[in-house]
C-alpha atoms as a PDB file:
ATOM      1  CA  MET A   1       0.000   0.000   0.000  1.00  0.00           C
ATOM      2  CA  GLY A   2       1.452   3.214  -0.980  1.00  0.00           C
ATOM      3  CA  PHE A   3       1.108   6.677   0.386  1.00  0.00           C
ATOM      4  CA  ASN A   4       0.910   9.813  -1.598  1.00  0.00           C
ATOM      5  CA  ILE A   5       2.669  12.690   0.025  1.00  0.00           C
ATOM      6  CA  TRP A   6       1.005  15.985  -0.609  1.00  0.00           C
ATOM      7  CA  SER A   7       3.194  18.994  -0.637  1.00  0.00           C
ATOM      8  CA  GLU A   8       1.963  22.574  -0.786  1.00  0.00           C
ATOM      9  CA  LYS A   9       3.722  25.839  -0.442  1.00  0.00           C
ATOM     10  CA  PRO A  10       2.528  27.723   2.621  1.00  0.00           C
ATOM     11  CA  SER A  11       2.001  30.822   0.593  1.00  0.00           C
ATOM     12  CA  GLU A  12      -0.472  29.020  -1.587  1.00  0.00           C
ATOM     13  CA  SER A  13      -2.570  27.396   1.184  1.00  0.00           C
ATOM     14  CA  LEU A  14      -2.532  29.923   4.031  1.00  0.00           C
ATOM     15  CA  PRO A  15      -3.457  33.567   3.436  1.00  0.00           C
ATOM     16  CA  GLN A  16      -1.010  36.116   4.717  1.00  0.00           C
ATOM     17  CA  TYR A  17      -2.320  39.199   6.587  1.00  0.00           C
ATOM     18  CA  SER A  18      -0.521  42.470   7.141  1.00  0.00           C
ATOM     19  CA  ARG A  19      -0.295  43.898  10.612  1.00  0.00           C
ATOM     20  CA  LEU A  20      -2.812  46.435  11.748  1.00  0.00           C
ATOM     21  CA  PRO A  21      -1.417  49.972  11.936  1.00  0.00           C
ATOM     22  CA  GLN A  22      -2.284  50.280  15.637  1.00  0.00           C
ATOM     23  CA  GLN A  23      -0.513  47.064  16.512  1.00  0.00           C
ATOM     24  CA  GLU A  24       2.520  47.976  14.483  1.00  0.00           C
ATOM     25  CA  GLN A  25       2.684  51.372  16.133  1.00  0.00           C
ATOM     26  CA  ALA A  26       2.386  49.796  19.571  1.00  0.00           C
ATOM     27  CA  ASP A  27       5.176  47.349  18.825  1.00  0.00           C
ATOM     28  CA  THR A  28       7.386  49.998  17.329  1.00  0.00           C
ATOM     29  CA  HIS A  29       6.920  52.400  20.279  1.00  0.00           C
ATOM     30  CA  PRO A  30       6.300  50.213  23.331  1.00  0.00           C
ATOM     31  CA  HIS A  31       6.562  53.110  25.800  1.00  0.00           C
ATOM     32  CA  SER A  32       4.413  55.643  24.004  1.00  0.00           C
ATOM     33  CA  ALA A  33       1.258  54.652  25.926  1.00  0.00           C
ATOM     34  CA  SER A  34       2.954  55.112  29.255  1.00  0.00           C
ATOM     35  CA  ARG A  35       4.119  58.558  28.205  1.00  0.00           C
ATOM     36  CA  GLU A  36       0.603  59.525  27.193  1.00  0.00           C
ATOM     37  CA  THR A  37      -0.869  58.478  30.575  1.00  0.00           C
ATOM     38  CA  SER A  38       1.813  60.266  32.574  1.00  0.00           C
ATOM     39  CA  THR A  39       1.505  63.562  30.740  1.00  0.00           C
ATOM     40  CA  PRO A  40      -1.685  64.788  32.571  1.00  0.00           C
ATOM     41  CA  SER A  41      -0.088  63.987  35.928  1.00  0.00           C
ATOM     42  CA  ASP A  42       2.948  66.020  34.996  1.00  0.00           C
ATOM     43  CA  VAL A  43       0.726  68.936  33.984  1.00  0.00           C
ATOM     44  CA  PHE A  44      -1.185  68.833  37.273  1.00  0.00           C
ATOM     45  CA  SER A  45       2.049  68.653  39.239  1.00  0.00           C
ATOM     46  CA  TYR A  46       3.312  71.682  37.373  1.00  0.00           C
ATOM     47  CA  ILE A  47       0.087  73.580  38.062  1.00  0.00           C
ATOM     48  CA  ARG A  48       0.250  72.669  41.753  1.00  0.00           C
ATOM     49  CA  PHE A  49       3.836  73.852  41.898  1.00  0.00           C
ATOM     50  CA  ILE A  50       2.851  77.192  40.386  1.00  0.00           C
ATOM     51  CA  LEU A  51      -0.092  77.614  42.779  1.00  0.00           C
ATOM     52  CA  TYR A  52       2.001  76.717  45.831  1.00  0.00           C
ATOM     53  CA  SER A  53       4.681  79.130  44.693  1.00  0.00           C
ATOM     54  CA  ILE A  54       2.169  81.947  44.276  1.00  0.00           C
ATOM     55  CA  THR A  55       0.638  81.177  47.690  1.00  0.00           C
ATOM     56  CA  GLY A  56       4.038  81.127  49.338  1.00  0.00           C
ATOM     57  CA  ILE A  57       5.051  84.414  47.761  1.00  0.00           C
ATOM     58  CA  ALA A  58       1.744  86.012  48.819  1.00  0.00           C
ATOM     59  CA  PHE A  59       2.145  84.761  52.406  1.00  0.00           C
ATOM     60  CA  ILE A  60       5.712  86.021  52.681  1.00  0.00           C
ATOM     61  CA  THR A  61       4.722  89.372  51.188  1.00  0.00           C
ATOM     62  CA  SER A  62       1.743  89.794  53.546  1.00  0.00           C
ATOM     63  CA  PHE A  63       3.858  88.799  56.551  1.00  0.00           C
ATOM     64  CA  LEU A  64       6.607  91.261  55.659  1.00  0.00           C
ATOM     65  CA  TRP A  65       3.980  93.945  55.081  1.00  0.00           C
ATOM     66  CA  ALA A  66       1.710  93.417  58.115  1.00  0.00           C
ATOM     67  CA  GLY A  67       3.186  90.556  60.107  1.00  0.00           C
ATOM     68  CA  PRO A  68       5.090  92.531  62.764  1.00  0.00           C
ATOM     69  CA  THR A  69       2.128  94.825  63.341  1.00  0.00           C
ATOM     70  CA  ALA A  70      -0.313  91.909  63.564  1.00  0.00           C
ATOM     71  CA  LEU A  71       1.993  90.095  65.962  1.00  0.00           C
ATOM     72  CA  ARG A  72       2.264  93.119  68.208  1.00  0.00           C
ATOM     73  CA  GLU A  73      -1.522  93.534  68.147  1.00  0.00           C
ATOM     74  CA  TYR A  74      -1.985  89.896  69.146  1.00  0.00           C
ATOM     75  CA  LEU A  75       0.491  90.080  72.011  1.00  0.00           C
ATOM     76  CA  ASN A  76      -0.944  93.335  73.310  1.00  0.00           C
ATOM     77  CA  ALA A  77      -4.653  92.636  72.892  1.00  0.00           C
ATOM     78  CA  PRO A  78      -6.705  91.076  75.665  1.00  0.00           C
ATOM     79  CA  SER A  79      -7.922  87.580  74.911  1.00  0.00           C
ATOM     80  CA  SER A  80     -10.697  85.403  76.234  1.00  0.00           C
ATOM     81  CA  SER A  81     -10.040  81.920  77.584  1.00  0.00           C
ATOM     82  CA  SER A  82     -13.642  80.706  77.511  1.00  0.00           C
ATOM     83  CA  SER A  83     -16.718  80.694  75.336  1.00  0.00           C
ATOM     84  CA  ALA A  84     -19.190  83.581  75.228  1.00  0.00           C
ATOM     85  CA  LEU A  85     -22.166  81.297  74.634  1.00  0.00           C
ATOM     86  CA  PRO A  86     -24.229  80.684  77.784  1.00  0.00           C
ATOM     87  CA  THR A  87     -25.748  77.297  78.470  1.00  0.00           C
ATOM     88  CA  ILE A  88     -29.512  77.731  78.279  1.00  0.00           C
ATOM     89  CA  THR A  89     -30.998  76.266  81.448  1.00  0.00           C
ATOM     90  CA  ASN A  90     -34.191  78.333  81.442  1.00  0.00           C
ATOM     91  CA  SER A  91     -35.593  79.442  78.104  1.00  0.00           C
ATOM     92  CA  SER A  92     -37.766  82.116  79.728  1.00  0.00           C
ATOM     93  CA  ALA A  93     -34.919  83.756  81.690  1.00  0.00           C
ATOM     94  CA  PRO A  94     -32.502  86.396  80.361  1.00  0.00           C
ATOM     95  CA  THR A  95     -29.061  85.281  79.210  1.00  0.00           C
ATOM     96  CA  ILE A  96     -26.000  86.502  81.125  1.00  0.00           C
ATOM     97  CA  ASN A  97     -22.298  86.867  80.408  1.00  0.00           C
ATOM     98  CA  LEU A  98     -20.040  87.277  83.439  1.00  0.00           C
ATOM     99  CA  ILE A  99     -16.860  88.951  82.184  1.00  0.00           C
ATOM    100  CA  ILE A 100     -13.916  88.759  84.568  1.00  0.00           C
ATOM    101  CA  ALA A 101     -10.671  90.625  83.939  1.00  0.00           C
ATOM    102  CA  SER A 102      -7.870  88.614  85.484  1.00  0.00           C
ATOM    103  CA  PHE A 103      -4.106  89.005  85.194  1.00  0.00           C
ATOM    104  CA  THR A 104      -3.132  85.994  87.278  1.00  0.00           C
ATOM    105  CA  SER A 105      -3.538  82.304  86.601  1.00  0.00           C
ATOM    106  CA  LYS A 106      -4.537  80.226  89.601  1.00  0.00           C
ATOM    107  CA  SER A 107      -5.863  76.706  89.537  1.00  0.00           C
ATOM    108  CA  ASP A 108      -8.456  77.460  92.213  1.00  0.00           C
ATOM    109  CA  SER A 109      -9.211  81.039  91.148  1.00  0.00           C
ATOM    110  CA  SER A 110     -12.672  80.166  89.851  1.00  0.00           C
ATOM    111  CA  GLU A 111     -13.831  78.173  92.855  1.00  0.00           C
ATOM    112  CA  TRP A 112     -16.174  80.886  94.058  1.00  0.00           C
ATOM    113  CA  THR A 113     -18.047  80.934  90.734  1.00  0.00           C
ATOM    114  CA  LYS A 114     -19.334  77.425  91.467  1.00  0.00           C
ATOM    115  CA  SER A 115     -21.681  79.041  94.004  1.00  0.00           C
ATOM    116  CA  LEU A 116     -23.389  81.131  91.331  1.00  0.00           C
ATOM    117  CA  LYS A 117     -26.980  80.073  90.751  1.00  0.00           C
ATOM    118  CA  LYS A 118     -28.085  82.238  87.855  1.00  0.00           C
ATOM    119  CA  ASP A 119     -29.745  80.567  84.872  1.00  0.00           C
ATOM    120  CA  ASN A 120     -28.278  80.935  81.381  1.00  0.00           C
ATOM    121  CA  LEU A 121     -24.918  82.119  82.732  1.00  0.00           C
ATOM    122  CA  ALA A 122     -21.647  82.070  80.766  1.00  0.00           C
ATOM    123  CA  ILE A 123     -18.429  82.871  82.641  1.00  0.00           C
ATOM    124  CA  ILE A 124     -15.743  84.505  80.511  1.00  0.00           C
ATOM    125  CA  GLN A 125     -12.256  85.076  81.865  1.00  0.00           C
ATOM    126  CA  TYR A 126     -10.180  87.620  80.013  1.00  0.00           C
ATOM    127  CA  ASP A 127      -6.460  87.910  80.446  1.00  0.00           C
ATOM    128  CA  SER A 128      -3.729  89.900  78.772  1.00  0.00           C
ATOM    129  CA  PRO A 129      -0.932  87.917  77.120  1.00  0.00           C
ATOM    130  CA  ALA A 130       1.368  90.905  77.457  1.00  0.00           C
ATOM    131  CA  SER A 131       2.058  92.568  80.797  1.00  0.00           C
ATOM    132  CA  THR A 132       2.035  95.975  79.076  1.00  0.00           C
ATOM    133  CA  TYR A 133      -1.612  96.541  79.894  1.00  0.00           C
ATOM    134  CA  LYS A 134      -1.664  94.875  83.278  1.00  0.00           C
ATOM    135  CA  GLY A 135      -4.256  96.505  85.478  1.00  0.00           C
ATOM    136  CA  SER A 136      -6.358  98.003  82.696  1.00  0.00           C
ATOM    137  CA  GLU A 137      -9.761  96.427  83.148  1.00  0.00           C
ATOM    138  CA  ALA A 138     -11.174  99.183  80.950  1.00  0.00           C
ATOM    139  CA  LEU A 139      -9.237  97.932  77.927  1.00  0.00           C
ATOM    140  CA  ILE A 140     -10.497  94.387  78.465  1.00  0.00           C
ATOM    141  CA  TYR A 141     -14.092  95.556  78.933  1.00  0.00           C
ATOM    142  CA  LEU A 142     -13.997  97.694  75.787  1.00  0.00           C
ATOM    143  CA  ASN A 143     -12.428  94.855  73.837  1.00  0.00           C
ATOM    144  CA  TYR A 144     -15.299  92.555  74.881  1.00  0.00           C
ATOM    145  CA  LEU A 145     -17.913  95.165  73.969  1.00  0.00           C
ATOM    146  CA  TYR A 146     -16.443  95.564  70.493  1.00  0.00           C
ATOM    147  CA  GLN A 147     -15.912  91.867  69.763  1.00  0.00           C
ATOM    148  CA  SER A 148     -19.254  90.659  71.187  1.00  0.00           C
ATOM    149  CA  TYR A 149     -21.368  93.524  69.865  1.00  0.00           C
ATOM    150  CA  ASP A 150     -23.374  91.354  67.459  1.00  0.00           C
ATOM    151  CA  ASN A 151     -23.727  88.405  69.844  1.00  0.00           C
ATOM    152  CA  LEU A 152     -24.598  89.962  73.185  1.00  0.00           C
ATOM    153  CA  PRO A 153     -26.596  88.325  75.982  1.00  0.00           C
ATOM    154  CA  SER A 154     -29.467  90.087  77.713  1.00  0.00           C
ATOM    155  CA  VAL A 155     -27.135  91.317  80.487  1.00  0.00           C
ATOM    156  CA  SER A 156     -23.346  91.554  80.739  1.00  0.00           C
ATOM    157  CA  ILE A 157     -21.731  91.670  84.192  1.00  0.00           C
ATOM    158  CA  PHE A 158     -18.173  92.979  84.507  1.00  0.00           C
ATOM    159  CA  LEU A 159     -15.843  92.111  87.398  1.00  0.00           C
ATOM    160  CA  ASN A 160     -12.145  92.886  87.692  1.00  0.00           C
ATOM    161  CA  LYS A 161     -10.775  89.683  89.234  1.00  0.00           C
ATOM    162  CA  TRP A 162     -11.673  86.094  90.129  1.00  0.00           C
ATOM    163  CA  GLU A 163     -11.304  86.489  93.866  1.00  0.00           C
ATOM    164  CA  VAL A 164     -14.100  87.855  96.008  1.00  0.00           C
ATOM    165  CA  THR A 165     -13.354  91.458  96.969  1.00  0.00           C
ATOM    166  CA  GLU A 166     -14.458  93.641  99.809  1.00  0.00           C
ATOM    167  CA  LEU A 167     -17.314  95.888  98.771  1.00  0.00           C
ATOM    168  CA  SER A 168     -19.013  98.561 100.811  1.00  0.00           C
ATOM    169  CA  CYS A 169     -22.212  96.576 101.088  1.00  0.00           C
ATOM    170  CA  PRO A 170     -23.621  93.806 103.286  1.00  0.00           C
ATOM    171  CA  ALA A 171     -23.147  91.061 100.653  1.00  0.00           C
ATOM    172  CA  SER A 172     -20.378  89.212  98.859  1.00  0.00           C
ATOM    173  CA  GLU A 173     -19.872  89.342  95.105  1.00  0.00           C
ATOM    174  CA  THR A 174     -21.402  85.879  94.848  1.00  0.00           C
ATOM    175  CA  ASP A 175     -24.534  87.068  96.642  1.00  0.00           C
ATOM    176  CA  LEU A 176     -24.661  90.201  94.525  1.00  0.00           C
ATOM    177  CA  ILE A 177     -24.705  88.157  91.333  1.00  0.00           C
ATOM    178  CA  ASN A 178     -27.173  85.580  92.661  1.00  0.00           C
ATOM    179  CA  ARG A 179     -29.545  88.257  93.960  1.00  0.00           C
ATOM    180  CA  LEU A 180     -29.167  90.686  91.067  1.00  0.00           C
ATOM    181  CA  ASP A 181     -32.543  91.713  89.647  1.00  0.00           C
ATOM    182  CA  LEU A 182     -31.984  91.374  85.909  1.00  0.00           C
ATOM    183  CA  ALA A 183     -35.241  93.171  85.131  1.00  0.00           C
ATOM    184  CA  THR A 184     -33.879  96.243  86.927  1.00  0.00           C
ATOM    185  CA  VAL A 185     -30.676  96.104  84.890  1.00  0.00           C
ATOM    186  CA  GLN A 186     -32.665  95.825  81.667  1.00  0.00           C
ATOM    187  CA  SER A 187     -34.965  98.715  82.566  1.00  0.00           C
ATOM    188  CA  ARG A 188     -32.234 101.034  83.898  1.00  0.00           C
ATOM    189  CA  GLY A 189     -29.562  99.985  81.418  1.00  0.00           C
ATOM    190  CA  PHE A 190     -26.644 100.236  83.836  1.00  0.00           C
ATOM    191  CA  LEU A 191     -26.175  99.232  87.469  1.00  0.00           C
ATOM    192  CA  PRO A 192     -22.846  99.659  89.319  1.00  0.00           C
ATOM    193  CA  PHE A 193     -21.616  97.096  91.837  1.00  0.00           C
ATOM    194  CA  CYS A 194     -19.919  99.792  93.943  1.00  0.00           C
ATOM    195  CA  PHE A 195     -21.685 101.609  96.720  1.00  0.00           C
ATOM    196  CA  GLN A 196     -19.399 104.391  97.906  1.00  0.00           C
ATOM    197  CA  ASP A 197     -20.592 107.979  98.107  1.00  0.00           C
ATOM    198  CA  ALA A 198     -19.820 110.055  95.019  1.00  0.00           C
ATOM    199  CA  SER A 199     -19.504 113.277  97.038  1.00  0.00           C
ATOM    200  CA  SER A 200     -15.845 112.537  97.787  1.00  0.00           C
ATOM    201  CA  MET A 201     -14.967 112.141  94.093  1.00  0.00           C
ATOM    202  CA  GLU A 202     -12.463 114.753  92.941  1.00  0.00           C
ATOM    203  CA  THR A 203     -12.278 115.879  89.337  1.00  0.00           C
ATOM    204  CA  ASN A 204      -8.772 116.497  88.012  1.00  0.00           C
ATOM    205  CA  ASP A 205      -7.366 117.697  84.711  1.00  0.00           C
ATOM    206  CA  SER A 206      -6.492 114.200  83.485  1.00  0.00           C
ATOM    207  CA  ILE A 207     -10.078 112.994  83.961  1.00  0.00           C
ATOM    208  CA  ILE A 208     -11.412 116.037  82.126  1.00  0.00           C
ATOM    209  CA  SER A 209      -8.926 115.487  79.294  1.00  0.00           C
ATOM    210  CA  LEU A 210      -9.871 111.808  79.025  1.00  0.00           C
ATOM    211  CA  PHE A 211     -13.562 112.728  78.993  1.00  0.00           C
ATOM    212  CA  HIS A 212     -13.019 115.194  76.122  1.00  0.00           C
ATOM    213  CA  LYS A 213     -11.142 112.569  74.085  1.00  0.00           C
ATOM    214  CA  SER A 214     -13.682 109.844  74.815  1.00  0.00           C
ATOM    215  CA  PHE A 215     -16.841 111.921  74.428  1.00  0.00           C
ATOM    216  CA  PRO A 216     -15.937 114.940  72.281  1.00  0.00           C
ATOM    217  CA  GLU A 217     -19.602 115.785  71.656  1.00  0.00           C
ATOM    218  CA  LYS A 218     -20.517 115.988  75.345  1.00  0.00           C
ATOM    219  CA  GLU A 219     -20.053 118.645  77.957  1.00  0.00           C
ATOM    220  CA  VAL A 220     -17.988 117.770  80.998  1.00  0.00           C
ATOM    221  CA  PRO A 221     -20.385 117.147  83.906  1.00  0.00           C
ATOM    222  CA  ASN A 222     -20.138 119.234  87.032  1.00  0.00           C
ATOM    223  CA  LYS A 223     -19.658 116.103  89.113  1.00  0.00           C
ATOM    224  CA  PHE A 224     -18.616 112.619  88.127  1.00  0.00           C
ATOM    225  CA  SER A 225     -20.048 109.410  89.476  1.00  0.00           C
ATOM    226  CA  ALA A 226     -18.162 107.453  92.086  1.00  0.00           C
ATOM    227  CA  PRO A 227     -15.409 105.353  90.463  1.00  0.00           C
ATOM    228  CA  CYS A 228     -16.479 101.789  89.786  1.00  0.00           C
ATOM    229  CA  ASN A 229     -15.036  99.084  87.541  1.00  0.00           C
ATOM    230  CA  GLU A 230     -17.617  96.419  88.393  1.00  0.00           C
ATOM    231  CA  PHE A 231     -21.119  96.745  86.988  1.00  0.00           C
ATOM    232  CA  ALA A 232     -23.974  95.183  85.028  1.00  0.00           C
ATOM    233  CA  VAL A 233     -25.211  96.592  81.718  1.00  0.00           C
ATOM    234  CA  SER A 234     -28.048  95.622  79.408  1.00  0.00           C
ATOM    235  CA  ARG A 235     -27.766  94.662  75.752  1.00  0.00           C
ATOM    236  CA  ASP A 236     -29.846  97.673  74.699  1.00  0.00           C
ATOM    237  CA  ALA A 237     -27.584 100.056  76.616  1.00  0.00           C
ATOM    238  CA  ILE A 238     -24.477  98.558  75.002  1.00  0.00           C
ATOM    239  CA  ARG A 239     -25.974  98.840  71.523  1.00  0.00           C
ATOM    240  CA  SER A 240     -27.061 102.425  72.110  1.00  0.00           C
ATOM    241  CA  VAL A 241     -23.395 103.160  71.395  1.00  0.00           C
ATOM    242  CA  PRO A 242     -22.187 102.484  67.812  1.00  0.00           C
ATOM    243  CA  ARG A 243     -19.805  99.545  67.554  1.00  0.00           C
ATOM    244  CA  GLU A 244     -17.149 101.736  65.948  1.00  0.00           C
ATOM    245  CA  GLN A 245     -17.133 103.904  69.072  1.00  0.00           C
ATOM    246  CA  TYR A 246     -15.866 100.987  71.169  1.00  0.00           C
ATOM    247  CA  LEU A 247     -13.055 100.409  68.681  1.00  0.00           C
ATOM    248  CA  HIS A 248     -12.195 104.103  68.843  1.00  0.00           C
ATOM    249  CA  LEU A 249     -12.031 103.931  72.638  1.00  0.00           C
ATOM    250  CA  VAL A 250      -9.855 100.803  72.522  1.00  0.00           C
ATOM    251  CA  ASN A 251      -7.409 102.523  70.173  1.00  0.00           C
ATOM    252  CA  LEU A 252      -7.507 105.637  72.325  1.00  0.00           C
ATOM    253  CA  LEU A 253      -6.812 103.792  75.557  1.00  0.00           C
ATOM    254  CA  ARG A 254      -4.320 101.168  74.359  1.00  0.00           C
ATOM    255  CA  PRO A 255      -1.266 103.413  73.789  1.00  0.00           C
ATOM    256  CA  THR A 256      -1.695 105.307  77.075  1.00  0.00           C
ATOM    257  CA  CYS A 257      -2.893 102.868  79.707  1.00  0.00           C
ATOM    258  CA  ALA A 258       0.602 101.463  80.310  1.00  0.00           C
ATOM    259  CA  GLU A 259       2.116 104.877  81.014  1.00  0.00           C
ATOM    260  CA  SER A 260      -0.779 106.612  82.757  1.00  0.00           C
ATOM    261  CA  ASP A 261      -3.801 106.087  84.969  1.00  0.00           C
ATOM    262  CA  ALA A 262      -6.207 106.262  82.027  1.00  0.00           C
ATOM    263  CA  GLY A 263      -7.441 102.741  82.764  1.00  0.00           C
ATOM    264  CA  LYS A 264      -8.328 103.664  86.329  1.00  0.00           C
ATOM    265  CA  GLU A 265      -9.764 107.012  85.291  1.00  0.00           C
ATOM    266  CA  TRP A 266     -12.196 105.136  83.069  1.00  0.00           C
ATOM    267  CA  ASP A 267     -13.860 103.899  86.266  1.00  0.00           C
ATOM    268  CA  VAL A 268     -15.856 107.143  86.368  1.00  0.00           C
ATOM    269  CA  MET A 269     -16.740 107.086  82.647  1.00  0.00           C
ATOM    270  CA  TRP A 270     -18.908 103.979  82.365  1.00  0.00           C
ATOM    271  CA  PRO A 271     -22.256 105.613  83.301  1.00  0.00           C
ATOM    272  CA  TYR A 272     -21.734 108.292  80.642  1.00  0.00           C
ATOM    273  CA  LEU A 273     -20.805 105.719  78.017  1.00  0.00           C
ATOM    274  CA  PHE A 274     -23.949 103.624  78.458  1.00  0.00           C
ATOM    275  CA  LEU A 275     -26.489 106.141  79.798  1.00  0.00           C
ATOM    276  CA  GLN A 276     -25.171 109.217  78.002  1.00  0.00           C
ATOM    277  CA  ASP A 277     -27.178 112.194  79.256  1.00  0.00           C
ATOM    278  CA  ASP A 278     -29.594 110.129  81.338  1.00  0.00           C
ATOM    279  CA  THR A 279     -27.245 109.615  84.286  1.00  0.00           C
ATOM    280  CA  ASP A 280     -28.761 110.251  87.658  1.00  0.00           C
ATOM    281  CA  GLU A 281     -27.239 110.035  91.097  1.00  0.00           C
ATOM    282  CA  VAL A 282     -28.500 107.125  93.177  1.00  0.00           C
ATOM    283  CA  THR A 283     -27.542 106.657  96.800  1.00  0.00           C
ATOM    284  CA  PRO A 284     -25.834 103.365  97.730  1.00  0.00           C
ATOM    285  CA  SER A 285     -28.771 102.233  99.857  1.00  0.00           C
ATOM    286  CA  GLU A 286     -31.226 103.004  97.053  1.00  0.00           C
ATOM    287  CA  ALA A 287     -29.106 101.078  94.551  1.00  0.00           C
ATOM    288  CA  LEU A 288     -28.966  98.031  96.831  1.00  0.00           C
ATOM    289  CA  CYS A 289     -32.708  98.115  97.352  1.00  0.00           C
ATOM    290  CA  ARG A 290     -33.527  98.528  93.648  1.00  0.00           C
ATOM    291  CA  GLY A 291     -31.058  96.133  92.155  1.00  0.00           C
ATOM    292  CA  TRP A 292     -30.711  93.425  94.792  1.00  0.00           C
ATOM    293  CA  GLY A 293     -33.660  93.680  97.123  1.00  0.00           C
ATOM    294  CA  ILE A 294     -31.311  94.462 100.007  1.00  0.00           C
ATOM    295  CA  CYS A 295     -33.176  97.322 101.601  1.00  0.00           C
ATOM    296  CA  LEU A 296     -31.292  98.571 104.633  1.00  0.00           C
ATOM    297  CA  GLY A 297     -33.485  99.370 107.590  1.00  0.00           C
ATOM    298  CA  ALA A 298     -36.258  97.126 106.276  1.00  0.00           C
ATOM    299  CA  GLU A 299     -36.908  93.432 106.435  1.00  0.00           C
ATOM    300  CA  ASP A 300     -35.289  91.500 103.549  1.00  0.00           C
END
């Protein structure tokens, strides 16, 4: 039995195909695809570099232009160490901020405030990071009034230290705050926490000069109120003064309070700031009876 061997040329039996252009291009340039995918990343990196460079240049320029001034302002400005938002414990009661100017840091300095029983009370301690303005409660108070102008509580109470002080009245500071009639503060606008007689108050040239600078549109009164740097004031009384006026007073007081007694002299100015021309002289016993229900000579 024989076998026939078939023999064909491959070119005659199998068709030959040419390579596709895409495949040939891929084989010829094996790294072209990787270059195409990396190009957008390179562009974005370049854009980011430009943006970061511009930001860095702007920051350095702004710092060189205003940095030293801003740093000095920060170091010399009073700052608050607590929130100005009271915890609402009684929705029908007025809200209160207790602002305390303190220049010392003591771990137990706020112990006495735990005895306060007022609803909706926020305690705000202000201190001065720079000792330049040590002792100027007025600067701290004015700073609070300017910064909190648009977010004021019903009543703001200002004290000049954490510790309980001796006042010329038959009650401690804690009792004065607990017994304070907030409705009286809101109706009168301003209520001092000091009860000395104003008849012994002497008017000197520096007080008159400070009054002219602080209230250029007003006439100097014949007699000033007794000095007092602890008081309660209503929101309406605070906002009866334009916000820009508080900033003006801060800028007026800041350069001088370290070298003069301007901060202390402000103790007689508060009634005129908040009450303007409606100031009236109230005896200490009358103030205690109106504002705290402590009527001397009568049953409590």
